[in-house]
Amino acid sequence: MAKPQMHDYVNDWLAKQGFPLEFRTARALNAQGLRSFQERYIRDPRTQQLREIDVHASLHLAAADVLCRISVVVECKWSRDHPWILFAGDESASREERVLQAIASAFGDGVLWHLTTDETFQQYTERRRPGRVAFSGRQARGEKKDKGQDKDQFYEAVQGAVGAAVAVATAEDPRQATSSRAVL
């Protein structure tokens, strides 16, 4: 029997990890015109601890004399045995609801509210908006043996992504850290 090669061992190990999902996510964002980075670290404005961002992508839009940077913060989760399930409805959020769900610097927040009435911006976002957006999710875990045994992994993942997004927005506007919308 042939001895496994280190290359085979590493490939087998890598196939069982979440890294391939991060690479595919970064490539997909790059294909949409964003510039993406993997394994970025940013300081959490509340705890001052470094926080990992699986994939951080940005897009720079220039209009007249204004340069706008849109950042996408992605928390990647992968599991072979316990898939992640997202629940999505057919109804779509209003423009105002989408603005409320965005995390932005103080200046960006004001710009977003102003743009909700801008027809060009509305058309741009409508073309790029996915058909369905998830409102919740869970990780399929099978039977619970003890009540409270399973942590809500979906909630923790969302909190991680929101915390990272707040940290990115706060890095752009340090005053954002005191905003009520910046609280996790």
C-alpha atoms as a PDB file:
ATOM      1  CA  MET A   1       0.000   0.000   0.000  1.00  0.00           C
ATOM      2  CA  ALA A   2       1.399   3.361  -1.044  1.00  0.00           C
ATOM      3  CA  LYS A   3       2.155   5.897   1.642  1.00  0.00           C
ATOM      4  CA  PRO A   4      -0.121   8.968   1.340  1.00  0.00           C
ATOM      5  CA  GLN A   5       1.668  12.002   0.032  1.00  0.00           C
ATOM      6  CA  MET A   6       1.720  15.217   2.047  1.00  0.00           C
ATOM      7  CA  HIS A   7      -0.137  16.927  -0.832  1.00  0.00           C
ATOM      8  CA  ASP A   8      -2.985  14.384  -0.536  1.00  0.00           C
ATOM      9  CA  TYR A   9      -3.085  14.777   3.236  1.00  0.00           C
ATOM     10  CA  VAL A  10      -3.301  18.573   2.985  1.00  0.00           C
ATOM     11  CA  ASN A  11      -5.995  18.403   0.273  1.00  0.00           C
ATOM     12  CA  ASP A  12      -8.068  15.984   2.379  1.00  0.00           C
ATOM     13  CA  TRP A  13      -7.729  18.234   5.433  1.00  0.00           C
ATOM     14  CA  LEU A  14      -8.576  21.353   3.438  1.00  0.00           C
ATOM     15  CA  ALA A  15     -11.700  19.715   1.967  1.00  0.00           C
ATOM     16  CA  LYS A  16     -13.022  19.251   5.524  1.00  0.00           C
ATOM     17  CA  GLN A  17     -12.526  22.919   6.477  1.00  0.00           C
ATOM     18  CA  GLY A  18     -14.405  26.121   5.617  1.00  0.00           C
ATOM     19  CA  PHE A  19     -11.549  27.751   3.701  1.00  0.00           C
ATOM     20  CA  PRO A  20     -12.753  26.669   0.226  1.00  0.00           C
ATOM     21  CA  LEU A  21     -16.066  28.451   0.910  1.00  0.00           C
ATOM     22  CA  GLU A  22     -14.184  31.639   1.794  1.00  0.00           C
ATOM     23  CA  PHE A  23     -12.182  31.407  -1.442  1.00  0.00           C
ATOM     24  CA  ARG A  24     -15.331  30.809  -3.534  1.00  0.00           C
ATOM     25  CA  THR A  25     -17.102  33.703  -1.793  1.00  0.00           C
ATOM     26  CA  ALA A  26     -14.199  36.079  -2.444  1.00  0.00           C
ATOM     27  CA  ARG A  27     -14.063  35.027  -6.116  1.00  0.00           C
ATOM     28  CA  ALA A  28     -17.833  35.536  -6.509  1.00  0.00           C
ATOM     29  CA  LEU A  29     -17.611  39.042  -5.025  1.00  0.00           C
ATOM     30  CA  ASN A  30     -14.640  39.852  -7.275  1.00  0.00           C
ATOM     31  CA  ALA A  31     -16.681  38.683 -10.278  1.00  0.00           C
ATOM     32  CA  GLN A  32     -19.355  41.244  -9.291  1.00  0.00           C
ATOM     33  CA  GLY A  33     -16.799  44.056  -9.431  1.00  0.00           C
ATOM     34  CA  LEU A  34     -15.914  44.258  -5.752  1.00  0.00           C
ATOM     35  CA  ARG A  35     -12.386  44.024  -4.399  1.00  0.00           C
ATOM     36  CA  SER A  36     -12.296  41.305  -1.762  1.00  0.00           C
ATOM     37  CA  PHE A  37      -9.878  40.292   0.962  1.00  0.00           C
ATOM     38  CA  GLN A  38      -9.885  37.204   3.143  1.00  0.00           C
ATOM     39  CA  GLU A  39      -8.954  36.825   6.801  1.00  0.00           C
ATOM     40  CA  ARG A  40      -8.926  40.542   7.602  1.00  0.00           C
ATOM     41  CA  TYR A  41      -8.704  41.766  11.168  1.00  0.00           C
ATOM     42  CA  ILE A  42     -10.263  44.938  12.526  1.00  0.00           C
ATOM     43  CA  ARG A  43     -10.478  46.374  16.041  1.00  0.00           C
ATOM     44  CA  ASP A  44     -13.886  45.991  17.705  1.00  0.00           C
ATOM     45  CA  PRO A  45     -15.003  49.471  18.847  1.00  0.00           C
ATOM     46  CA  ARG A  46     -16.638  48.125  22.034  1.00  0.00           C
ATOM     47  CA  THR A  47     -14.034  45.670  23.293  1.00  0.00           C
ATOM     48  CA  GLN A  48     -10.913  46.997  21.532  1.00  0.00           C
ATOM     49  CA  GLN A  49     -10.119  43.349  20.674  1.00  0.00           C
ATOM     50  CA  LEU A  50      -9.159  42.284  17.174  1.00  0.00           C
ATOM     51  CA  ARG A  51     -12.047  40.717  15.281  1.00  0.00           C
ATOM     52  CA  GLU A  52     -11.623  38.426  12.277  1.00  0.00           C
ATOM     53  CA  ILE A  53     -13.568  39.033   9.076  1.00  0.00           C
ATOM     54  CA  ASP A  54     -13.759  35.957   6.819  1.00  0.00           C
ATOM     55  CA  VAL A  55     -14.290  37.995   3.646  1.00  0.00           C
ATOM     56  CA  HIS A  56     -14.319  41.791   3.430  1.00  0.00           C
ATOM     57  CA  ALA A  57     -15.134  43.260   0.023  1.00  0.00           C
ATOM     58  CA  SER A  58     -15.575  46.831  -1.096  1.00  0.00           C
ATOM     59  CA  LEU A  59     -16.748  48.771  -4.089  1.00  0.00           C
ATOM     60  CA  HIS A  60     -15.925  52.406  -4.773  1.00  0.00           C
ATOM     61  CA  LEU A  61     -18.562  54.439  -6.572  1.00  0.00           C
ATOM     62  CA  ALA A  62     -17.851  57.944  -7.818  1.00  0.00           C
ATOM     63  CA  ALA A  63     -20.655  60.393  -8.565  1.00  0.00           C
ATOM     64  CA  ALA A  64     -19.933  64.048  -9.267  1.00  0.00           C
ATOM     65  CA  ASP A  65     -17.573  65.127  -6.463  1.00  0.00           C
ATOM     66  CA  VAL A  66     -18.459  62.336  -4.054  1.00  0.00           C
ATOM     67  CA  LEU A  67     -16.631  59.052  -3.595  1.00  0.00           C
ATOM     68  CA  CYS A  68     -18.650  56.381  -1.862  1.00  0.00           C
ATOM     69  CA  ARG A  69     -17.272  53.094  -0.564  1.00  0.00           C
ATOM     70  CA  ILE A  70     -19.671  50.220  -0.051  1.00  0.00           C
ATOM     71  CA  SER A  71     -18.298  47.415   2.099  1.00  0.00           C
ATOM     72  CA  VAL A  72     -19.572  43.872   2.336  1.00  0.00           C
ATOM     73  CA  VAL A  73     -18.677  41.878   5.447  1.00  0.00           C
ATOM     74  CA  VAL A  74     -19.136  38.112   5.120  1.00  0.00           C
ATOM     75  CA  GLU A  75     -19.059  35.460   7.816  1.00  0.00           C
ATOM     76  CA  CYS A  76     -18.609  32.094   6.063  1.00  0.00           C
ATOM     77  CA  LYS A  77     -20.041  28.969   7.670  1.00  0.00           C
ATOM     78  CA  TRP A  78     -19.665  25.489   6.271  1.00  0.00           C
ATOM     79  CA  SER A  79     -20.453  22.058   7.662  1.00  0.00           C
ATOM     80  CA  ARG A  80     -20.511  18.708   5.961  1.00  0.00           C
ATOM     81  CA  ASP A  81     -22.704  17.009   8.578  1.00  0.00           C
ATOM     82  CA  HIS A  82     -24.901  19.871   9.817  1.00  0.00           C
ATOM     83  CA  PRO A  83     -25.954  22.133   6.919  1.00  0.00           C
ATOM     84  CA  TRP A  84     -26.834  25.784   7.395  1.00  0.00           C
ATOM     85  CA  ILE A  85     -30.420  26.570   6.446  1.00  0.00           C
ATOM     86  CA  LEU A  86     -31.713  30.057   5.630  1.00  0.00           C
ATOM     87  CA  PHE A  87     -35.406  30.938   5.817  1.00  0.00           C
ATOM     88  CA  ALA A  88     -36.586  33.376   3.175  1.00  0.00           C
ATOM     89  CA  GLY A  89     -39.969  34.803   2.298  1.00  0.00           C
ATOM     90  CA  ASP A  90     -41.379  36.018  -0.981  1.00  0.00           C
ATOM     91  CA  GLU A  91     -42.090  39.513   0.300  1.00  0.00           C
ATOM     92  CA  SER A  92     -39.383  42.094  -0.159  1.00  0.00           C
ATOM     93  CA  ALA A  93     -38.405  44.875   2.201  1.00  0.00           C
ATOM     94  CA  SER A  94     -39.221  48.475   1.359  1.00  0.00           C
ATOM     95  CA  ARG A  95     -36.415  50.895   0.496  1.00  0.00           C
ATOM     96  CA  GLU A  96     -36.711  52.412   3.960  1.00  0.00           C
ATOM     97  CA  GLU A  97     -36.454  48.978   5.628  1.00  0.00           C
ATOM     98  CA  ARG A  98     -33.345  48.171   3.590  1.00  0.00           C
ATOM     99  CA  VAL A  99     -31.740  51.437   4.750  1.00  0.00           C
ATOM    100  CA  LEU A 100     -32.566  50.616   8.377  1.00  0.00           C
ATOM    101  CA  GLN A 101     -30.861  47.232   7.944  1.00  0.00           C
ATOM    102  CA  ALA A 102     -27.671  48.798   6.590  1.00  0.00           C
ATOM    103  CA  ILE A 103     -24.776  49.579   8.895  1.00  0.00           C
ATOM    104  CA  ALA A 104     -22.975  52.761   7.956  1.00  0.00           C
ATOM    105  CA  SER A 105     -20.788  55.530   9.267  1.00  0.00           C
ATOM    106  CA  ALA A 106     -22.732  58.550  10.532  1.00  0.00           C
ATOM    107  CA  PHE A 107     -22.181  60.314   7.203  1.00  0.00           C
ATOM    108  CA  GLY A 108     -23.062  57.162   5.241  1.00  0.00           C
ATOM    109  CA  ASP A 109     -26.274  56.772   7.232  1.00  0.00           C
ATOM    110  CA  GLY A 110     -27.375  60.268   6.213  1.00  0.00           C
ATOM    111  CA  VAL A 111     -26.442  59.643   2.585  1.00  0.00           C
ATOM    112  CA  LEU A 112     -28.429  56.393   2.530  1.00  0.00           C
ATOM    113  CA  TRP A 113     -31.530  58.135   3.871  1.00  0.00           C
ATOM    114  CA  HIS A 114     -31.150  60.848   1.250  1.00  0.00           C
ATOM    115  CA  LEU A 115     -30.672  58.286  -1.523  1.00  0.00           C
ATOM    116  CA  THR A 116     -33.886  56.409  -0.702  1.00  0.00           C
ATOM    117  CA  THR A 117     -35.671  59.130  -2.694  1.00  0.00           C
ATOM    118  CA  ASP A 118     -33.120  59.241  -5.553  1.00  0.00           C
ATOM    119  CA  GLU A 119     -34.556  57.518  -8.653  1.00  0.00           C
ATOM    120  CA  THR A 120     -31.165  56.595 -10.166  1.00  0.00           C
ATOM    121  CA  PHE A 121     -30.042  54.981  -6.909  1.00  0.00           C
ATOM    122  CA  GLN A 122     -33.355  53.136  -6.598  1.00  0.00           C
ATOM    123  CA  GLN A 123     -32.989  51.696 -10.105  1.00  0.00           C
ATOM    124  CA  TYR A 124     -29.375  50.680  -9.419  1.00  0.00           C
ATOM    125  CA  THR A 125     -30.227  48.861  -6.190  1.00  0.00           C
ATOM    126  CA  GLU A 126     -33.312  47.187  -7.673  1.00  0.00           C
ATOM    127  CA  ARG A 127     -31.200  45.647 -10.464  1.00  0.00           C
ATOM    128  CA  ARG A 128     -28.675  44.277  -7.961  1.00  0.00           C
ATOM    129  CA  ARG A 129     -31.069  43.100  -5.252  1.00  0.00           C
ATOM    130  CA  PRO A 130     -31.517  39.331  -4.973  1.00  0.00           C
ATOM    131  CA  GLY A 131     -34.984  37.921  -5.572  1.00  0.00           C
ATOM    132  CA  ARG A 132     -35.300  36.558  -2.047  1.00  0.00           C
ATOM    133  CA  VAL A 133     -33.573  37.653   1.135  1.00  0.00           C
ATOM    134  CA  ALA A 134     -33.255  35.467   4.225  1.00  0.00           C
ATOM    135  CA  PHE A 135     -34.782  36.690   7.460  1.00  0.00           C
ATOM    136  CA  SER A 136     -33.520  33.911   9.744  1.00  0.00           C
ATOM    137  CA  GLY A 137     -31.755  30.570   9.770  1.00  0.00           C
ATOM    138  CA  ARG A 138     -30.469  27.629  11.753  1.00  0.00           C
ATOM    139  CA  GLN A 139     -27.860  24.951  11.575  1.00  0.00           C
ATOM    140  CA  ALA A 140     -29.486  21.529  11.158  1.00  0.00           C
ATOM    141  CA  ARG A 141     -28.340  19.584  14.208  1.00  0.00           C
ATOM    142  CA  GLY A 142     -30.600  16.539  14.576  1.00  0.00           C
ATOM    143  CA  GLU A 143     -32.141  15.583  17.910  1.00  0.00           C
ATOM    144  CA  LYS A 144     -31.284  17.607  21.000  1.00  0.00           C
ATOM    145  CA  LYS A 145     -30.332  15.456  23.975  1.00  0.00           C
ATOM    146  CA  ASP A 146     -30.547  18.155  26.610  1.00  0.00           C
ATOM    147  CA  LYS A 147     -32.502  21.383  26.483  1.00  0.00           C
ATOM    148  CA  GLY A 148     -30.070  24.248  26.000  1.00  0.00           C
ATOM    149  CA  GLN A 149     -27.254  21.917  24.943  1.00  0.00           C
ATOM    150  CA  ASP A 150     -26.908  23.352  21.449  1.00  0.00           C
ATOM    151  CA  LYS A 151     -25.799  26.957  21.205  1.00  0.00           C
ATOM    152  CA  ASP A 152     -27.659  28.951  18.591  1.00  0.00           C
ATOM    153  CA  GLN A 153     -24.831  28.897  16.070  1.00  0.00           C
ATOM    154  CA  PHE A 154     -26.822  30.905  13.529  1.00  0.00           C
ATOM    155  CA  TYR A 155     -27.390  33.728  16.018  1.00  0.00           C
ATOM    156  CA  GLU A 156     -23.695  33.727  16.974  1.00  0.00           C
ATOM    157  CA  ALA A 157     -22.674  33.852  13.296  1.00  0.00           C
ATOM    158  CA  VAL A 158     -25.023  36.772  12.626  1.00  0.00           C
ATOM    159  CA  GLN A 159     -23.724  38.581  15.722  1.00  0.00           C
ATOM    160  CA  GLY A 160     -20.171  38.032  14.471  1.00  0.00           C
ATOM    161  CA  ALA A 161     -20.988  39.477  11.054  1.00  0.00           C
ATOM    162  CA  VAL A 162     -22.868  42.435  12.550  1.00  0.00           C
ATOM    163  CA  GLY A 163     -20.020  43.120  14.963  1.00  0.00           C
ATOM    164  CA  ALA A 164     -17.521  43.065  12.114  1.00  0.00           C
ATOM    165  CA  ALA A 165     -19.721  45.370  10.006  1.00  0.00           C
ATOM    166  CA  VAL A 166     -20.015  47.809  12.924  1.00  0.00           C
ATOM    167  CA  ALA A 167     -16.236  47.707  13.345  1.00  0.00           C
ATOM    168  CA  VAL A 168     -15.727  48.483   9.637  1.00  0.00           C
ATOM    169  CA  ALA A 169     -18.215  51.387   9.755  1.00  0.00           C
ATOM    170  CA  THR A 170     -16.705  52.681  13.002  1.00  0.00           C
ATOM    171  CA  ALA A 171     -13.228  52.619  11.487  1.00  0.00           C
ATOM    172  CA  GLU A 172     -14.567  55.069   8.902  1.00  0.00           C
ATOM    173  CA  ASP A 173     -16.272  57.274  11.510  1.00  0.00           C
ATOM    174  CA  PRO A 174     -15.121  56.845  15.145  1.00  0.00           C
ATOM    175  CA  ARG A 175     -18.153  58.793  16.401  1.00  0.00           C
ATOM    176  CA  GLN A 176     -20.313  55.866  15.198  1.00  0.00           C
ATOM    177  CA  ALA A 177     -19.241  53.828  18.241  1.00  0.00           C
ATOM    178  CA  THR A 178     -21.635  55.818  20.437  1.00  0.00           C
ATOM    179  CA  SER A 179     -24.566  55.477  18.055  1.00  0.00           C
ATOM    180  CA  SER A 180     -27.474  53.343  19.229  1.00  0.00           C
ATOM    181  CA  ARG A 181     -27.455  51.543  15.868  1.00  0.00           C
ATOM    182  CA  ALA A 182     -23.870  50.431  16.502  1.00  0.00           C
ATOM    183  CA  VAL A 183     -24.806  48.395  19.588  1.00  0.00           C
ATOM    184  CA  LEU A 184     -24.724  44.638  19.078  1.00  0.00           C
END
